[in-house]
Amino acid sequence: HFAVTKTRMGMAMRAVSWDKFALPLMGIPLDRV
């Protein structure tokens, strides 16, 4: 719960669940997440 809600990788995971198509435009490596 801490990793998903409080870390940068957790924020990236939640961003993928929200809109994975916009993620590369924000500079977040989708495959790594």
Full PDB file with SEQRES, HELIX, SHEET, SSBOND, CRYST1, ORIGX, SCALE, CONECT and MASTER records, all heavy atoms in Angstrom:
SEQRES   1 A   33  HIS PHE ALA VAL THR LYS THR ARG MET GLY MET ALA MET          
SEQRES   2 A   33  ARG ALA VAL SER TRP ASP LYS PHE ALA LEU PRO LEU MET          
SEQRES   3 A   33  GLY ILE PRO LEU ASP ARG VAL                                  
HELIX    1 AA1 PHE A    2  LYS A    6  1                                   5    
HELIX    2 AA2 ARG A    8  ASP A   19  1                                  12    
HELIX    3 AA3 PRO A   24  MET A   26  5                                   3    
CRYST1    1.000    1.000    1.000  90.00  90.00  90.00 P 1           1          
ORIGX1      1.000000  0.000000  0.000000        0.00000                         
ORIGX2      0.000000  1.000000  0.000000        0.00000                         
ORIGX3      0.000000  0.000000  1.000000        0.00000                         
SCALE1      1.000000  0.000000  0.000000        0.00000                         
SCALE2      0.000000  1.000000  0.000000        0.00000                         
SCALE3      0.000000  0.000000  1.000000        0.00000                         
ATOM      1  N   HIS A   1       0.832  -1.205   0.000  1.00  0.00           N  
ATOM      2  CA  HIS A   1       0.000   0.000   0.000  1.00  0.00           C  
ATOM      3  C   HIS A   1       0.867   1.256   0.000  1.00  0.00           C  
ATOM      4  O   HIS A   1       0.580   2.237  -0.711  1.00  0.00           O  
ATOM      5  CB  HIS A   1      -0.917  -0.014   1.219  1.00  0.00           C  
ATOM      6  CG  HIS A   1      -1.958   1.063   1.208  1.00  0.00           C  
ATOM      7  ND1 HIS A   1      -1.742   2.313   1.769  1.00  0.00           N  
ATOM      8  CD2 HIS A   1      -3.217   1.108   0.693  1.00  0.00           C  
ATOM      9  CE1 HIS A   1      -2.817   3.059   1.596  1.00  0.00           C  
ATOM     10  NE2 HIS A   1      -3.716   2.360   0.947  1.00  0.00           N  
ATOM     11  N   PHE A   2       1.949   1.232   0.766  1.00  0.00           N  
ATOM     12  CA  PHE A   2       2.869   2.370   0.782  1.00  0.00           C  
ATOM     13  C   PHE A   2       3.546   2.542  -0.574  1.00  0.00           C  
ATOM     14  O   PHE A   2       3.675   3.664  -1.086  1.00  0.00           O  
ATOM     15  CB  PHE A   2       3.924   2.167   1.872  1.00  0.00           C  
ATOM     16  CG  PHE A   2       4.981   3.232   1.903  1.00  0.00           C  
ATOM     17  CD1 PHE A   2       4.746   4.441   2.547  1.00  0.00           C  
ATOM     18  CD2 PHE A   2       6.204   3.027   1.277  1.00  0.00           C  
ATOM     19  CE1 PHE A   2       5.722   5.433   2.567  1.00  0.00           C  
ATOM     20  CE2 PHE A   2       7.178   4.010   1.297  1.00  0.00           C  
ATOM     21  CZ  PHE A   2       6.934   5.214   1.945  1.00  0.00           C  
ATOM     22  N   ALA A   3       3.975   1.413  -1.176  1.00  0.00           N  
ATOM     23  CA  ALA A   3       4.665   1.496  -2.466  1.00  0.00           C  
ATOM     24  C   ALA A   3       3.760   2.054  -3.555  1.00  0.00           C  
ATOM     25  O   ALA A   3       4.202   2.817  -4.420  1.00  0.00           O  
ATOM     26  CB  ALA A   3       5.184   0.113  -2.861  1.00  0.00           C  
ATOM     27  N   VAL A   4       2.484   1.691  -3.533  1.00  0.00           N  
ATOM     28  CA  VAL A   4       1.558   2.127  -4.580  1.00  0.00           C  
ATOM     29  C   VAL A   4       1.125   3.573  -4.380  1.00  0.00           C  
ATOM     30  O   VAL A   4       0.936   4.318  -5.345  1.00  0.00           O  
ATOM     31  CB  VAL A   4       0.339   1.182  -4.636  1.00  0.00           C  
ATOM     32  CG1 VAL A   4      -0.733   1.731  -5.567  1.00  0.00           C  
ATOM     33  CG2 VAL A   4       0.766  -0.204  -5.098  1.00  0.00           C  
ATOM     34  N   THR A   5       0.978   4.002  -3.151  1.00  0.00           N  
ATOM     35  CA  THR A   5       0.415   5.329  -2.878  1.00  0.00           C  
ATOM     36  C   THR A   5       1.457   6.408  -2.595  1.00  0.00           C  
ATOM     37  O   THR A   5       1.161   7.590  -2.763  1.00  0.00           O  
ATOM     38  CB  THR A   5      -0.540   5.257  -1.677  1.00  0.00           C  
ATOM     39  OG1 THR A   5       0.170   4.770  -0.523  1.00  0.00           O  
ATOM     40  CG2 THR A   5      -1.708   4.335  -1.976  1.00  0.00           C  
ATOM     41  N   LYS A   6       2.684   6.026  -2.208  1.00  0.00           N  
ATOM     42  CA  LYS A   6       3.641   7.027  -1.747  1.00  0.00           C  
ATOM     43  C   LYS A   6       4.921   7.115  -2.566  1.00  0.00           C  
ATOM     44  O   LYS A   6       5.725   8.015  -2.329  1.00  0.00           O  
ATOM     45  CB  LYS A   6       4.025   6.757  -0.284  1.00  0.00           C  
ATOM     46  CG  LYS A   6       2.843   6.750   0.688  1.00  0.00           C  
ATOM     47  CD  LYS A   6       2.143   8.099   0.765  1.00  0.00           C  
ATOM     48  CE  LYS A   6       1.021   8.072   1.788  1.00  0.00           C  
ATOM     49  NZ  LYS A   6       0.308   9.382   1.862  1.00  0.00           N  
ATOM     50  N   THR A   7       5.159   6.202  -3.488  1.00  0.00           N  
ATOM     51  CA  THR A   7       6.401   6.215  -4.252  1.00  0.00           C  
ATOM     52  C   THR A   7       6.151   6.665  -5.683  1.00  0.00           C  
ATOM     53  O   THR A   7       5.018   6.668  -6.167  1.00  0.00           O  
ATOM     54  CB  THR A   7       7.046   4.814  -4.261  1.00  0.00           C  
ATOM     55  OG1 THR A   7       6.185   3.901  -4.946  1.00  0.00           O  
ATOM     56  CG2 THR A   7       7.273   4.310  -2.843  1.00  0.00           C  
ATOM     57  N   ARG A   8       7.224   7.035  -6.371  1.00  0.00           N  
ATOM     58  CA  ARG A   8       7.104   7.492  -7.758  1.00  0.00           C  
ATOM     59  C   ARG A   8       6.672   6.363  -8.676  1.00  0.00           C  
ATOM     60  O   ARG A   8       5.862   6.573  -9.588  1.00  0.00           O  
ATOM     61  CB  ARG A   8       8.446   8.054  -8.229  1.00  0.00           C  
ATOM     62  CG  ARG A   8       8.879   9.321  -7.499  1.00  0.00           C  
ATOM     63  CD  ARG A   8      10.146   9.885  -8.077  1.00  0.00           C  
ATOM     64  NE  ARG A   8       9.974  10.300  -9.459  1.00  0.00           N  
ATOM     65  CZ  ARG A   8      10.956  10.784 -10.216  1.00  0.00           C  
ATOM     66  NH1 ARG A   8      12.185  10.899  -9.723  1.00  0.00           N  
ATOM     67  NH2 ARG A   8      10.725  11.137 -11.457  1.00  0.00           N  
ATOM     68  N   MET A   9       7.201   5.160  -8.439  1.00  0.00           N  
ATOM     69  CA  MET A   9       6.778   4.031  -9.267  1.00  0.00           C  
ATOM     70  C   MET A   9       5.322   3.702  -9.019  1.00  0.00           C  
ATOM     71  O   MET A   9       4.577   3.354  -9.951  1.00  0.00           O  
ATOM     72  CB  MET A   9       7.657   2.810  -8.975  1.00  0.00           C  
ATOM     73  CG  MET A   9       7.335   1.597  -9.841  1.00  0.00           C  
ATOM     74  SD  MET A   9       7.491   1.910 -11.621  1.00  0.00           S  
ATOM     75  CE  MET A   9       9.281   1.948 -11.792  1.00  0.00           C  
ATOM     76  N   GLY A  10       4.880   3.806  -7.775  1.00  0.00           N  
ATOM     77  CA  GLY A  10       3.472   3.580  -7.484  1.00  0.00           C  
ATOM     78  C   GLY A  10       2.583   4.606  -8.155  1.00  0.00           C  
ATOM     79  O   GLY A  10       1.497   4.275  -8.662  1.00  0.00           O  
ATOM     80  N   MET A  11       3.051   5.853  -8.202  1.00  0.00           N  
ATOM     81  CA  MET A  11       2.293   6.888  -8.911  1.00  0.00           C  
ATOM     82  C   MET A  11       2.227   6.584 -10.407  1.00  0.00           C  
ATOM     83  O   MET A  11       1.186   6.779 -11.050  1.00  0.00           O  
ATOM     84  CB  MET A  11       2.946   8.255  -8.680  1.00  0.00           C  
ATOM     85  CG  MET A  11       2.175   9.423  -9.270  1.00  0.00           C  
ATOM     86  SD  MET A  11       3.019  11.006  -8.989  1.00  0.00           S  
ATOM     87  CE  MET A  11       3.033  11.068  -7.192  1.00  0.00           C  
ATOM     88  N   ALA A  12       3.332   6.064 -10.949  1.00  0.00           N  
ATOM     89  CA  ALA A  12       3.336   5.698 -12.369  1.00  0.00           C  
ATOM     90  C   ALA A  12       2.385   4.527 -12.626  1.00  0.00           C  
ATOM     91  O   ALA A  12       1.695   4.488 -13.656  1.00  0.00           O  
ATOM     92  CB  ALA A  12       4.755   5.328 -12.796  1.00  0.00           C  
ATOM     93  N   MET A  13       2.323   3.573 -11.700  1.00  0.00           N  
ATOM     94  CA  MET A  13       1.394   2.447 -11.856  1.00  0.00           C  
ATOM     95  C   MET A  13      -0.045   2.933 -11.856  1.00  0.00           C  
ATOM     96  O   MET A  13      -0.873   2.483 -12.659  1.00  0.00           O  
ATOM     97  CB  MET A  13       1.615   1.443 -10.721  1.00  0.00           C  
ATOM     98  CG  MET A  13       2.943   0.714 -10.791  1.00  0.00           C  
ATOM     99  SD  MET A  13       3.367  -0.160  -9.267  1.00  0.00           S  
ATOM    100  CE  MET A  13       2.040  -1.359  -9.188  1.00  0.00           C  
ATOM    101  N   ARG A  14      -0.363   3.873 -10.986  1.00  0.00           N  
ATOM    102  CA  ARG A  14      -1.730   4.405 -10.959  1.00  0.00           C  
ATOM    103  C   ARG A  14      -2.009   5.223 -12.217  1.00  0.00           C  
ATOM    104  O   ARG A  14      -3.147   5.242 -12.706  1.00  0.00           O  
ATOM    105  CB  ARG A  14      -1.926   5.253  -9.703  1.00  0.00           C  
ATOM    106  CG  ARG A  14      -2.029   4.403  -8.433  1.00  0.00           C  
ATOM    107  CD  ARG A  14      -2.299   5.228  -7.202  1.00  0.00           C  
ATOM    108  NE  ARG A  14      -1.099   5.928  -6.760  1.00  0.00           N  
ATOM    109  CZ  ARG A  14      -1.049   7.214  -6.456  1.00  0.00           C  
ATOM    110  NH1 ARG A  14      -2.129   7.967  -6.584  1.00  0.00           N  
ATOM    111  NH2 ARG A  14       0.073   7.766  -6.039  1.00  0.00           N  
ATOM    112  N   ALA A  15      -0.984   5.861 -12.754  1.00  0.00           N  
ATOM    113  CA  ALA A  15      -1.168   6.623 -13.993  1.00  0.00           C  
ATOM    114  C   ALA A  15      -1.443   5.685 -15.167  1.00  0.00           C  
ATOM    115  O   ALA A  15      -2.255   5.995 -16.046  1.00  0.00           O  
ATOM    116  CB  ALA A  15       0.069   7.474 -14.275  1.00  0.00           C  
ATOM    117  N   VAL A  16      -0.773   4.532 -15.199  1.00  0.00           N  
ATOM    118  CA  VAL A  16      -1.021   3.558 -16.270  1.00  0.00           C  
ATOM    119  C   VAL A  16      -2.463   3.079 -16.222  1.00  0.00           C  
ATOM    120  O   VAL A  16      -3.135   2.943 -17.247  1.00  0.00           O  
ATOM    121  CB  VAL A  16      -0.049   2.366 -16.136  1.00  0.00           C  
ATOM    122  CG1 VAL A  16      -0.419   1.266 -17.128  1.00  0.00           C  
ATOM    123  CG2 VAL A  16       1.372   2.816 -16.393  1.00  0.00           C  
ATOM    124  N   SER A  17      -2.954   2.807 -15.014  1.00  0.00           N  
ATOM    125  CA  SER A  17      -4.340   2.339 -14.894  1.00  0.00           C  
ATOM    126  C   SER A  17      -5.332   3.412 -15.328  1.00  0.00           C  
ATOM    127  O   SER A  17      -6.439   3.098 -15.782  1.00  0.00           O  
ATOM    128  CB  SER A  17      -4.624   1.922 -13.443  1.00  0.00           C  
ATOM    129  OG  SER A  17      -4.575   3.048 -12.574  1.00  0.00           O  
ATOM    130  N   TRP A  18      -4.946   4.692 -15.226  1.00  0.00           N  
ATOM    131  CA  TRP A  18      -5.847   5.773 -15.605  1.00  0.00           C  
ATOM    132  C   TRP A  18      -5.855   5.998 -17.109  1.00  0.00           C  
ATOM    133  O   TRP A  18      -6.912   6.080 -17.736  1.00  0.00           O  
ATOM    134  CB  TRP A  18      -5.456   7.048 -14.866  1.00  0.00           C  
ATOM    135  CG  TRP A  18      -6.357   8.200 -15.158  1.00  0.00           C  
ATOM    136  CD1 TRP A  18      -6.108   9.259 -15.977  1.00  0.00           C  
ATOM    137  CD2 TRP A  18      -7.680   8.407 -14.657  1.00  0.00           C  
ATOM    138  NE1 TRP A  18      -7.163  10.121 -16.014  1.00  0.00           N  
ATOM    139  CE2 TRP A  18      -8.159   9.621 -15.202  1.00  0.00           C  
ATOM    140  CE3 TRP A  18      -8.501   7.691 -13.791  1.00  0.00           C  
ATOM    141  CZ2 TRP A  18      -9.418  10.117 -14.920  1.00  0.00           C  
ATOM    142  CZ3 TRP A  18      -9.755   8.194 -13.511  1.00  0.00           C  
ATOM    143  CH2 TRP A  18     -10.202   9.386 -14.072  1.00  0.00           C  
ATOM    144  N   ASP A  19      -4.669   6.087 -17.704  1.00  0.00           N  
ATOM    145  CA  ASP A  19      -4.594   6.324 -19.156  1.00  0.00           C  
ATOM    146  C   ASP A  19      -3.193   5.939 -19.628  1.00  0.00           C  
ATOM    147  O   ASP A  19      -2.263   6.755 -19.592  1.00  0.00           O  
ATOM    148  CB  ASP A  19      -4.877   7.794 -19.480  1.00  0.00           C  
ATOM    149  CG  ASP A  19      -5.071   8.022 -20.977  1.00  0.00           C  
ATOM    150  OD1 ASP A  19      -4.720   7.131 -21.760  1.00  0.00           O  
ATOM    151  OD2 ASP A  19      -5.575   9.098 -21.348  1.00  0.00           O  
ATOM    152  N   LYS A  20      -3.039   4.691 -20.064  1.00  0.00           N  
ATOM    153  CA  LYS A  20      -1.709   4.220 -20.443  1.00  0.00           C  
ATOM    154  C   LYS A  20      -1.249   4.798 -21.777  1.00  0.00           C  
ATOM    155  O   LYS A  20      -0.053   4.790 -22.073  1.00  0.00           O  
ATOM    156  CB  LYS A  20      -1.691   2.691 -20.507  1.00  0.00           C  
ATOM    157  CG  LYS A  20      -2.524   2.086 -21.624  1.00  0.00           C  
ATOM    158  CD  LYS A  20      -2.381   0.571 -21.623  1.00  0.00           C  
ATOM    159  CE  LYS A  20      -3.174  -0.066 -22.761  1.00  0.00           C  
ATOM    160  NZ  LYS A  20      -3.026  -1.540 -22.776  1.00  0.00           N  
ATOM    161  N   PHE A  21      -2.166   5.309 -22.585  1.00  0.00           N  
ATOM    162  CA  PHE A  21      -1.774   5.865 -23.878  1.00  0.00           C  
ATOM    163  C   PHE A  21      -1.136   7.251 -23.727  1.00  0.00           C  
ATOM    164  O   PHE A  21      -0.298   7.637 -24.529  1.00  0.00           O  
ATOM    165  CB  PHE A  21      -2.980   5.944 -24.806  1.00  0.00           C  
ATOM    166  CG  PHE A  21      -3.591   4.604 -25.104  1.00  0.00           C  
ATOM    167  CD1 PHE A  21      -4.783   4.227 -24.515  1.00  0.00           C  
ATOM    168  CD2 PHE A  21      -2.963   3.726 -25.960  1.00  0.00           C  
ATOM    169  CE1 PHE A  21      -5.352   2.988 -24.781  1.00  0.00           C  
ATOM    170  CE2 PHE A  21      -3.514   2.481 -26.241  1.00  0.00           C  
ATOM    171  CZ  PHE A  21      -4.701   2.108 -25.644  1.00  0.00           C  
ATOM    172  N   ALA A  22      -1.532   7.994 -22.710  1.00  0.00           N  
ATOM    173  CA  ALA A  22      -0.952   9.320 -22.492  1.00  0.00           C  
ATOM    174  C   ALA A  22       0.344   9.264 -21.705  1.00  0.00           C  
ATOM    175  O   ALA A  22       1.067  10.258 -21.632  1.00  0.00           O  
ATOM    176  CB  ALA A  22      -1.956  10.212 -21.755  1.00  0.00           C  
ATOM    177  N   LEU A  23       0.654   8.095 -21.128  1.00  0.00           N  
ATOM    178  CA  LEU A  23       1.818   7.994 -20.252  1.00  0.00           C  
ATOM    179  C   LEU A  23       3.139   8.272 -20.963  1.00  0.00           C  
ATOM    180  O   LEU A  23       3.970   9.039 -20.450  1.00  0.00           O  
ATOM    181  CB  LEU A  23       1.838   6.600 -19.606  1.00  0.00           C  
ATOM    182  CG  LEU A  23       2.483   6.514 -18.228  1.00  0.00           C  
ATOM    183  CD1 LEU A  23       1.691   7.306 -17.219  1.00  0.00           C  
ATOM    184  CD2 LEU A  23       2.609   5.072 -17.785  1.00  0.00           C  
ATOM    185  N   PRO A  24       3.390   7.697 -22.174  1.00  0.00           N  
ATOM    186  CA  PRO A  24       4.658   8.005 -22.842  1.00  0.00           C  
ATOM    187  C   PRO A  24       4.826   9.481 -23.167  1.00  0.00           C  
ATOM    188  O   PRO A  24       5.958   9.984 -23.228  1.00  0.00           O  
ATOM    189  CB  PRO A  24       4.590   7.157 -24.122  1.00  0.00           C  
ATOM    190  CG  PRO A  24       3.630   6.056 -23.801  1.00  0.00           C  
ATOM    191  CD  PRO A  24       2.616   6.682 -22.895  1.00  0.00           C  
ATOM    192  N   LEU A  25       3.718  10.193 -23.371  1.00  0.00           N  
ATOM    193  CA  LEU A  25       3.813  11.631 -23.657  1.00  0.00           C  
ATOM    194  C   LEU A  25       4.298  12.418 -22.451  1.00  0.00           C  
ATOM    195  O   LEU A  25       4.783  13.532 -22.599  1.00  0.00           O  
ATOM    196  CB  LEU A  25       2.436  12.150 -24.088  1.00  0.00           C  
ATOM    197  CG  LEU A  25       1.811  11.471 -25.313  1.00  0.00           C  
ATOM    198  CD1 LEU A  25       0.423  12.037 -25.571  1.00  0.00           C  
ATOM    199  CD2 LEU A  25       2.719  11.638 -26.527  1.00  0.00           C  
ATOM    200  N   MET A  26       4.169  11.826 -21.269  1.00  0.00           N  
ATOM    201  CA  MET A  26       4.622  12.476 -20.043  1.00  0.00           C  
ATOM    202  C   MET A  26       6.028  12.041 -19.641  1.00  0.00           C  
ATOM    203  O   MET A  26       6.513  12.407 -18.574  1.00  0.00           O  
ATOM    204  CB  MET A  26       3.642  12.160 -18.910  1.00  0.00           C  
ATOM    205  CG  MET A  26       2.206  12.571 -19.215  1.00  0.00           C  
ATOM    206  SD  MET A  26       1.022  11.921 -18.032  1.00  0.00           S  
ATOM    207  CE  MET A  26       1.563  12.743 -16.534  1.00  0.00           C  
ATOM    208  N   GLY A  27       6.674  11.218 -20.483  1.00  0.00           N  
ATOM    209  CA  GLY A  27       8.041  10.792 -20.209  1.00  0.00           C  
ATOM    210  C   GLY A  27       8.156   9.618 -19.264  1.00  0.00           C  
ATOM    211  O   GLY A  27       9.240   9.348 -18.739  1.00  0.00           O  
ATOM    212  N   ILE A  28       7.078   8.892 -19.042  1.00  0.00           N  
ATOM    213  CA  ILE A  28       7.100   7.742 -18.139  1.00  0.00           C  
ATOM    214  C   ILE A  28       7.236   6.480 -18.978  1.00  0.00           C  
ATOM    215  O   ILE A  28       6.428   6.247 -19.879  1.00  0.00           O  
ATOM    216  CB  ILE A  28       5.819   7.683 -17.281  1.00  0.00           C  
ATOM    217  CG1 ILE A  28       5.694   8.951 -16.441  1.00  0.00           C  
ATOM    218  CG2 ILE A  28       5.823   6.451 -16.388  1.00  0.00           C  
ATOM    219  CD1 ILE A  28       4.416   9.028 -15.632  1.00  0.00           C  
ATOM    220  N   PRO A  29       8.268   5.644 -18.726  1.00  0.00           N  
ATOM    221  CA  PRO A  29       8.459   4.430 -19.534  1.00  0.00           C  
ATOM    222  C   PRO A  29       7.392   3.392 -19.200  1.00  0.00           C  
ATOM    223  O   PRO A  29       7.385   2.796 -18.124  1.00  0.00           O  
ATOM    224  CB  PRO A  29       9.855   3.952 -19.129  1.00  0.00           C  
ATOM    225  CG  PRO A  29      10.077   4.531 -17.768  1.00  0.00           C  
ATOM    226  CD  PRO A  29       9.317   5.829 -17.714  1.00  0.00           C  
ATOM    227  N   LEU A  30       6.491   3.157 -20.143  1.00  0.00           N  
ATOM    228  CA  LEU A  30       5.370   2.254 -19.910  1.00  0.00           C  
ATOM    229  C   LEU A  30       5.834   0.829 -19.661  1.00  0.00           C  
ATOM    230  O   LEU A  30       5.354   0.162 -18.730  1.00  0.00           O  
ATOM    231  CB  LEU A  30       4.414   2.301 -21.105  1.00  0.00           C  
ATOM    232  CG  LEU A  30       3.198   1.377 -21.051  1.00  0.00           C  
ATOM    233  CD1 LEU A  30       2.325   1.709 -19.863  1.00  0.00           C  
ATOM    234  CD2 LEU A  30       2.404   1.481 -22.349  1.00  0.00           C  
ATOM    235  N   ASP A  31       6.784   0.342 -20.475  1.00  0.00           N  
ATOM    236  CA  ASP A  31       7.227  -1.049 -20.330  1.00  0.00           C  
ATOM    237  C   ASP A  31       7.866  -1.289 -18.967  1.00  0.00           C  
ATOM    238  O   ASP A  31       7.687  -2.357 -18.365  1.00  0.00           O  
ATOM    239  CB  ASP A  31       8.218  -1.403 -21.438  1.00  0.00           C  
ATOM    240  CG  ASP A  31       7.534  -1.534 -22.791  1.00  0.00           C  
ATOM    241  OD1 ASP A  31       6.299  -1.703 -22.815  1.00  0.00           O  
ATOM    242  OD2 ASP A  31       8.232  -1.445 -23.814  1.00  0.00           O  
ATOM    243  N   ARG A  32       8.606  -0.300 -18.478  1.00  0.00           N  
ATOM    244  CA  ARG A  32       9.254  -0.470 -17.178  1.00  0.00           C  
ATOM    245  C   ARG A  32       8.230  -0.579 -16.058  1.00  0.00           C  
ATOM    246  O   ARG A  32       8.383  -1.381 -15.134  1.00  0.00           O  
ATOM    247  CB  ARG A  32      10.193   0.707 -16.907  1.00  0.00           C  
ATOM    248  CG  ARG A  32      11.049   0.542 -15.667  1.00  0.00           C  
ATOM    249  CD  ARG A  32      11.922   1.764 -15.442  1.00  0.00           C  
ATOM    250  NE  ARG A  32      12.776   2.012 -16.603  1.00  0.00           N  
ATOM    251  CZ  ARG A  32      13.574   3.068 -16.700  1.00  0.00           C  
ATOM    252  NH1 ARG A  32      13.594   3.981 -15.743  1.00  0.00           N  
ATOM    253  NH2 ARG A  32      14.319   3.227 -17.773  1.00  0.00           N  
ATOM    254  N   VAL A  33       7.169   0.187 -16.156  1.00  0.00           N  
ATOM    255  CA  VAL A  33       6.116   0.127 -15.141  1.00  0.00           C  
ATOM    256  C   VAL A  33       5.410  -1.223 -15.175  1.00  0.00           C  
ATOM    257  O   VAL A  33       5.128  -1.831 -14.138  1.00  0.00           O  
ATOM    258  CB  VAL A  33       5.105   1.271 -15.349  1.00  0.00           C  
ATOM    259  CG1 VAL A  33       3.965   1.166 -14.345  1.00  0.00           C  
ATOM    260  CG2 VAL A  33       5.796   2.621 -15.221  1.00  0.00           C  
TER     261      VAL A  33                                                      
MASTER        0    0    0    3    0    0    0    6  260    1    0    3          
END                                                                             
